[in-house]
Amino acid sequence: MTHTYLPGQPSEAQLPDFSALPLGELASCTEHPVLSTLLPGVCERLEDSGGAVAFYDDAPPVA
């Protein structure tokens, strides 16, 4: 059995900024079913980054 160990405190690590990627261009020309479904929502959220947060509250309990 494997255990998932989560940090006790939030990390100070920053996620990379991928906002300069041409996601709109990719969304308009991709034929990949998953990308064509997800990219429009990602592009919409990139326009309003003020509400972007990350939560760890839904993480599995630590045994």
C-alpha atoms as a PDB file:
ATOM      1  CA  MET A   1       0.000   0.000   0.000  1.00  0.00           C
ATOM      2  CA  THR A   2       1.369   3.404  -0.898  1.00  0.00           C
ATOM      3  CA  HIS A   3       0.728   6.542   1.104  1.00  0.00           C
ATOM      4  CA  THR A   4       0.392  10.058  -0.190  1.00  0.00           C
ATOM      5  CA  TYR A   5       2.289  12.556   1.911  1.00  0.00           C
ATOM      6  CA  LEU A   6       1.128  16.136   1.564  1.00  0.00           C
ATOM      7  CA  PRO A   7       3.043  19.182   2.789  1.00  0.00           C
ATOM      8  CA  GLY A   8       1.908  20.563   6.135  1.00  0.00           C
ATOM      9  CA  GLN A   9       2.173  24.151   4.934  1.00  0.00           C
ATOM     10  CA  PRO A  10       1.487  25.749   1.546  1.00  0.00           C
ATOM     11  CA  SER A  11       4.492  25.896  -0.734  1.00  0.00           C
ATOM     12  CA  GLU A  12       6.057  29.175  -1.794  1.00  0.00           C
ATOM     13  CA  ALA A  13       6.754  27.645  -5.211  1.00  0.00           C
ATOM     14  CA  GLN A  14       5.317  29.530  -8.174  1.00  0.00           C
ATOM     15  CA  LEU A  15       3.753  27.777 -11.134  1.00  0.00           C
ATOM     16  CA  PRO A  16       5.227  28.659 -14.525  1.00  0.00           C
ATOM     17  CA  ASP A  17       3.426  31.399 -16.460  1.00  0.00           C
ATOM     18  CA  PHE A  18       2.076  29.869 -19.648  1.00  0.00           C
ATOM     19  CA  SER A  19      -0.226  32.797 -20.459  1.00  0.00           C
ATOM     20  CA  ALA A  20       1.907  33.803 -23.470  1.00  0.00           C
ATOM     21  CA  LEU A  21       1.224  30.521 -25.267  1.00  0.00           C
ATOM     22  CA  PRO A  22      -1.054  30.906 -28.327  1.00  0.00           C
ATOM     23  CA  LEU A  23      -3.842  28.782 -26.854  1.00  0.00           C
ATOM     24  CA  GLY A  24      -6.550  30.503 -28.902  1.00  0.00           C
ATOM     25  CA  GLU A  25      -4.688  29.626 -32.081  1.00  0.00           C
ATOM     26  CA  LEU A  26      -4.242  26.046 -30.910  1.00  0.00           C
ATOM     27  CA  ALA A  27      -7.933  25.815 -29.965  1.00  0.00           C
ATOM     28  CA  SER A  28      -8.994  26.934 -33.438  1.00  0.00           C
ATOM     29  CA  CYS A  29      -6.842  24.429 -35.335  1.00  0.00           C
ATOM     30  CA  THR A  30      -6.697  21.307 -33.156  1.00  0.00           C
ATOM     31  CA  GLU A  31      -8.615  18.166 -34.001  1.00  0.00           C
ATOM     32  CA  HIS A  32      -7.745  16.466 -30.721  1.00  0.00           C
ATOM     33  CA  PRO A  33     -11.054  15.774 -28.921  1.00  0.00           C
ATOM     34  CA  VAL A  34      -9.798  16.546 -25.411  1.00  0.00           C
ATOM     35  CA  LEU A  35      -7.956  19.736 -26.402  1.00  0.00           C
ATOM     36  CA  SER A  36     -10.899  20.987 -28.452  1.00  0.00           C
ATOM     37  CA  THR A  37     -13.118  20.533 -25.388  1.00  0.00           C
ATOM     38  CA  LEU A  38     -10.788  22.008 -22.758  1.00  0.00           C
ATOM     39  CA  LEU A  39      -9.002  24.859 -24.549  1.00  0.00           C
ATOM     40  CA  PRO A  40     -11.995  27.226 -24.946  1.00  0.00           C
ATOM     41  CA  GLY A  41     -12.538  27.179 -21.168  1.00  0.00           C
ATOM     42  CA  VAL A  42      -8.838  27.635 -20.472  1.00  0.00           C
ATOM     43  CA  CYS A  43      -8.698  30.617 -22.858  1.00  0.00           C
ATOM     44  CA  GLU A  44     -11.739  32.151 -21.153  1.00  0.00           C
ATOM     45  CA  ARG A  45     -10.182  31.788 -17.696  1.00  0.00           C
ATOM     46  CA  LEU A  46      -6.906  33.315 -18.887  1.00  0.00           C
ATOM     47  CA  GLU A  47      -8.762  36.536 -19.704  1.00  0.00           C
ATOM     48  CA  ASP A  48      -9.801  36.914 -16.037  1.00  0.00           C
ATOM     49  CA  SER A  49      -6.845  35.804 -13.927  1.00  0.00           C
ATOM     50  CA  GLY A  50      -8.035  37.772 -10.873  1.00  0.00           C
ATOM     51  CA  GLY A  51     -10.031  34.822  -9.600  1.00  0.00           C
ATOM     52  CA  ALA A  52      -7.345  32.177 -10.108  1.00  0.00           C
ATOM     53  CA  VAL A  53      -6.576  30.301  -6.913  1.00  0.00           C
ATOM     54  CA  ALA A  54      -5.411  26.836  -5.952  1.00  0.00           C
ATOM     55  CA  PHE A  55      -6.868  24.851  -3.081  1.00  0.00           C
ATOM     56  CA  TYR A  56      -5.624  21.704  -1.452  1.00  0.00           C
ATOM     57  CA  ASP A  57      -8.797  21.191   0.570  1.00  0.00           C
ATOM     58  CA  ASP A  58      -9.945  18.418  -1.745  1.00  0.00           C
ATOM     59  CA  ALA A  59      -6.776  16.393  -1.248  1.00  0.00           C
ATOM     60  CA  PRO A  60      -7.173  12.896   0.159  1.00  0.00           C
ATOM     61  CA  PRO A  61      -6.664  12.569   3.904  1.00  0.00           C
ATOM     62  CA  VAL A  62      -3.164  11.746   5.037  1.00  0.00           C
ATOM     63  CA  ALA A  63      -3.016   8.364   6.754  1.00  0.00           C
END
